[in-house]
Amino acid sequence: MAGTIFWLLIVAFGFLFIWGLINKSWRLLLMGGMAVTLPSLYFLGAENGFRLLALVPLIPFGLSYFFAKKRKESR
């Protein structure tokens, strides 16, 4: 059951991330970042290079900040 939730969150991240980039929606990117946060924390306990996967949520969070700032400036 836990593995199913793990992979469901990763698939949801992939879908929301790609859809957010296509639509340039900061909300979709933010939801994608939240979806991948829990699976990435699992890799934080690794003792090798997989520990770097804990930094993956920074990508959609940074892009959502960039898109929100860009949208605010265009108004």
N, C-alpha and C. Protein backbone atom coordinates (compact mmCIF):
# COMPACT_ATOMS: atom_id res chain seq x y z
N MET A 1 0.81 -1.19 0.00
CA MET A 1 0.00 0.00 0.00
C MET A 1 0.87 1.26 0.00
N ALA A 2 1.92 1.27 0.81
CA ALA A 2 2.77 2.45 0.88
C ALA A 2 3.50 2.68 -0.44
N GLY A 3 3.88 1.59 -1.10
CA GLY A 3 4.54 1.72 -2.40
C GLY A 3 3.62 2.30 -3.46
N THR A 4 2.35 1.95 -3.37
CA THR A 4 1.38 2.49 -4.31
C THR A 4 1.23 3.99 -4.14
N ILE A 5 1.16 4.44 -2.89
CA ILE A 5 1.05 5.88 -2.63
C ILE A 5 2.31 6.60 -3.08
N PHE A 6 3.47 5.99 -2.84
CA PHE A 6 4.76 6.55 -3.25
C PHE A 6 4.78 6.79 -4.76
N TRP A 7 4.44 5.78 -5.52
CA TRP A 7 4.46 5.91 -6.98
C TRP A 7 3.33 6.79 -7.50
N LEU A 8 2.19 6.79 -6.83
CA LEU A 8 1.09 7.67 -7.23
C LEU A 8 1.49 9.14 -7.08
N LEU A 9 2.20 9.46 -6.00
CA LEU A 9 2.67 10.84 -5.81
C LEU A 9 3.72 11.22 -6.85
N ILE A 10 4.58 10.28 -7.23
CA ILE A 10 5.59 10.58 -8.24
C ILE A 10 4.94 10.79 -9.61
N VAL A 11 3.96 9.96 -9.95
CA VAL A 11 3.25 10.12 -11.22
C VAL A 11 2.47 11.44 -11.22
N ALA A 12 1.84 11.76 -10.09
CA ALA A 12 1.11 13.03 -10.00
C ALA A 12 2.06 14.20 -10.17
N PHE A 13 3.26 14.10 -9.60
CA PHE A 13 4.25 15.16 -9.78
C PHE A 13 4.61 15.32 -11.25
N GLY A 14 4.87 14.22 -11.93
CA GLY A 14 5.24 14.29 -13.34
C GLY A 14 4.14 14.92 -14.17
N PHE A 15 2.91 14.52 -13.92
CA PHE A 15 1.78 15.07 -14.67
C PHE A 15 1.61 16.56 -14.38
N LEU A 16 1.61 16.94 -13.10
CA LEU A 16 1.41 18.34 -12.74
C LEU A 16 2.57 19.21 -13.19
N PHE A 17 3.78 18.69 -13.13
CA PHE A 17 4.96 19.46 -13.53
C PHE A 17 4.92 19.76 -15.03
N ILE A 18 4.64 18.74 -15.83
CA ILE A 18 4.60 18.95 -17.28
C ILE A 18 3.42 19.83 -17.66
N TRP A 19 2.27 19.60 -17.07
CA TRP A 19 1.08 20.40 -17.36
C TRP A 19 1.30 21.85 -16.91
N GLY A 20 1.97 22.04 -15.78
CA GLY A 20 2.27 23.38 -15.30
C GLY A 20 3.24 24.12 -16.19
N LEU A 21 4.22 23.40 -16.74
CA LEU A 21 5.16 24.05 -17.66
C LEU A 21 4.49 24.43 -18.97
N ILE A 22 3.61 23.56 -19.46
CA ILE A 22 2.92 23.85 -20.72
C ILE A 22 2.01 25.07 -20.55
N ASN A 23 1.26 25.12 -19.46
CA ASN A 23 0.33 26.23 -19.22
C ASN A 23 0.97 27.42 -18.52
N LYS A 24 2.21 27.28 -18.10
CA LYS A 24 2.91 28.31 -17.33
C LYS A 24 2.09 28.73 -16.12
N SER A 25 1.60 27.73 -15.40
CA SER A 25 0.75 27.95 -14.23
C SER A 25 1.56 27.72 -12.96
N TRP A 26 1.67 28.75 -12.15
CA TRP A 26 2.44 28.61 -10.92
C TRP A 26 1.71 27.73 -9.91
N ARG A 27 0.38 27.69 -10.00
CA ARG A 27 -0.38 26.86 -9.06
C ARG A 27 -0.17 25.37 -9.32
N LEU A 28 -0.14 24.98 -10.58
CA LEU A 28 0.10 23.57 -10.91
C LEU A 28 1.51 23.16 -10.52
N LEU A 29 2.47 24.04 -10.74
CA LEU A 29 3.84 23.73 -10.34
C LEU A 29 3.96 23.62 -8.82
N LEU A 30 3.25 24.46 -8.10
CA LEU A 30 3.26 24.40 -6.65
C LEU A 30 2.66 23.08 -6.15
N MET A 31 1.54 22.67 -6.77
CA MET A 31 0.93 21.39 -6.38
C MET A 31 1.86 20.22 -6.72
N GLY A 32 2.55 20.31 -7.85
CA GLY A 32 3.50 19.26 -8.21
C GLY A 32 4.65 19.19 -7.22
N GLY A 33 5.12 20.34 -6.77
CA GLY A 33 6.18 20.36 -5.76
C GLY A 33 5.73 19.76 -4.44
N MET A 34 4.49 20.04 -4.06
CA MET A 34 3.98 19.46 -2.83
C MET A 34 3.79 17.95 -2.97
N ALA A 35 3.43 17.50 -4.15
CA ALA A 35 3.23 16.07 -4.37
C ALA A 35 4.53 15.30 -4.29
N VAL A 36 5.64 15.89 -4.70
CA VAL A 36 6.90 15.18 -4.73
C VAL A 36 7.71 15.37 -3.44
N THR A 37 7.24 16.20 -2.54
CA THR A 37 7.99 16.46 -1.31
C THR A 37 8.11 15.20 -0.45
N LEU A 38 7.03 14.50 -0.22
CA LEU A 38 7.11 13.30 0.62
C LEU A 38 7.97 12.19 0.01
N PRO A 39 7.81 11.85 -1.28
CA PRO A 39 8.71 10.83 -1.83
C PRO A 39 10.17 11.25 -1.81
N SER A 40 10.45 12.54 -1.97
CA SER A 40 11.85 12.96 -1.97
C SER A 40 12.45 12.91 -0.56
N LEU A 41 11.63 13.09 0.46
CA LEU A 41 12.14 12.99 1.83
C LEU A 41 12.58 11.56 2.16
N TYR A 42 12.00 10.59 1.48
CA TYR A 42 12.42 9.21 1.67
C TYR A 42 13.89 9.04 1.29
N PHE A 43 14.32 9.72 0.24
CA PHE A 43 15.70 9.60 -0.23
C PHE A 43 16.67 10.41 0.61
N LEU A 44 16.18 11.27 1.49
CA LEU A 44 17.05 12.06 2.34
C LEU A 44 17.83 11.17 3.31
N GLY A 45 17.28 10.02 3.64
CA GLY A 45 17.94 9.10 4.55
C GLY A 45 18.97 8.20 3.89
N ALA A 46 19.19 8.34 2.61
CA ALA A 46 20.15 7.50 1.90
C ALA A 46 21.57 7.89 2.29
N GLU A 47 22.48 6.97 2.12
CA GLU A 47 23.89 7.22 2.45
C GLU A 47 24.74 7.39 1.21
N ASN A 48 24.13 7.62 0.07
CA ASN A 48 24.90 7.77 -1.17
C ASN A 48 24.34 8.93 -1.99
N GLY A 49 24.55 8.91 -3.27
CA GLY A 49 24.14 10.00 -4.14
C GLY A 49 22.64 10.17 -4.26
N PHE A 50 21.88 9.17 -3.86
CA PHE A 50 20.43 9.29 -3.91
C PHE A 50 19.92 10.38 -2.98
N ARG A 51 20.76 10.81 -2.05
CA ARG A 51 20.38 11.89 -1.13
C ARG A 51 20.08 13.19 -1.89
N LEU A 52 20.69 13.35 -3.05
CA LEU A 52 20.46 14.56 -3.85
C LEU A 52 19.04 14.62 -4.41
N LEU A 53 18.34 13.50 -4.46
CA LEU A 53 16.95 13.50 -4.93
C LEU A 53 16.03 14.26 -3.98
N ALA A 54 16.50 14.53 -2.77
CA ALA A 54 15.70 15.33 -1.83
C ALA A 54 15.61 16.78 -2.28
N LEU A 55 16.45 17.17 -3.24
CA LEU A 55 16.43 18.54 -3.74
C LEU A 55 15.47 18.74 -4.92
N VAL A 56 14.86 17.67 -5.39
CA VAL A 56 13.96 17.74 -6.54
C VAL A 56 12.80 18.72 -6.32
N PRO A 57 12.18 18.80 -5.13
CA PRO A 57 11.07 19.75 -4.97
C PRO A 57 11.47 21.20 -5.15
N LEU A 58 12.75 21.52 -5.06
CA LEU A 58 13.18 22.90 -5.25
C LEU A 58 12.95 23.37 -6.68
N ILE A 59 12.95 22.46 -7.64
CA ILE A 59 12.75 22.83 -9.04
C ILE A 59 11.34 23.38 -9.28
N PRO A 60 10.28 22.63 -8.94
CA PRO A 60 8.94 23.20 -9.19
C PRO A 60 8.63 24.38 -8.28
N PHE A 61 9.16 24.40 -7.04
CA PHE A 61 8.91 25.54 -6.17
C PHE A 61 9.57 26.80 -6.72
N GLY A 62 10.79 26.66 -7.22
CA GLY A 62 11.48 27.80 -7.82
C GLY A 62 10.79 28.29 -9.08
N LEU A 63 10.36 27.37 -9.93
CA LEU A 63 9.66 27.76 -11.14
C LEU A 63 8.31 28.40 -10.84
N SER A 64 7.62 27.90 -9.82
CA SER A 64 6.33 28.51 -9.47
C SER A 64 6.53 29.92 -8.95
N TYR A 65 7.59 30.15 -8.20
CA TYR A 65 7.90 31.51 -7.74
C TYR A 65 8.20 32.41 -8.93
N PHE A 66 8.98 31.89 -9.88
CA PHE A 66 9.34 32.67 -11.06
C PHE A 66 8.11 33.02 -11.89
N PHE A 67 7.22 32.04 -12.11
CA PHE A 67 6.01 32.29 -12.90
C PHE A 67 5.05 33.23 -12.18
N ALA A 68 4.93 33.11 -10.85
CA ALA A 68 4.04 34.00 -10.10
C ALA A 68 4.58 35.43 -10.13
N LYS A 69 5.89 35.58 -9.99
CA LYS A 69 6.50 36.91 -10.02
C LYS A 69 6.34 37.53 -11.41
N LYS A 70 6.53 36.72 -12.44
CA LYS A 70 6.41 37.21 -13.82
C LYS A 70 4.97 37.63 -14.11
N ARG A 71 4.02 36.87 -13.59
CA ARG A 71 2.61 37.20 -13.81
C ARG A 71 2.23 38.48 -13.08
N LYS A 72 2.77 38.66 -11.87
CA LYS A 72 2.47 39.85 -11.09
C LYS A 72 3.05 41.10 -11.78
N GLU A 73 4.21 40.98 -12.39
CA GLU A 73 4.83 42.12 -13.06
C GLU A 73 4.08 42.49 -14.34
N SER A 74 3.43 41.52 -14.97
CA SER A 74 2.74 41.80 -16.22
C SER A 74 1.39 42.48 -16.01
N ARG A 75 0.90 42.51 -14.81
CA ARG A 75 -0.39 43.13 -14.53
C ARG A 75 -0.30 44.61 -14.51
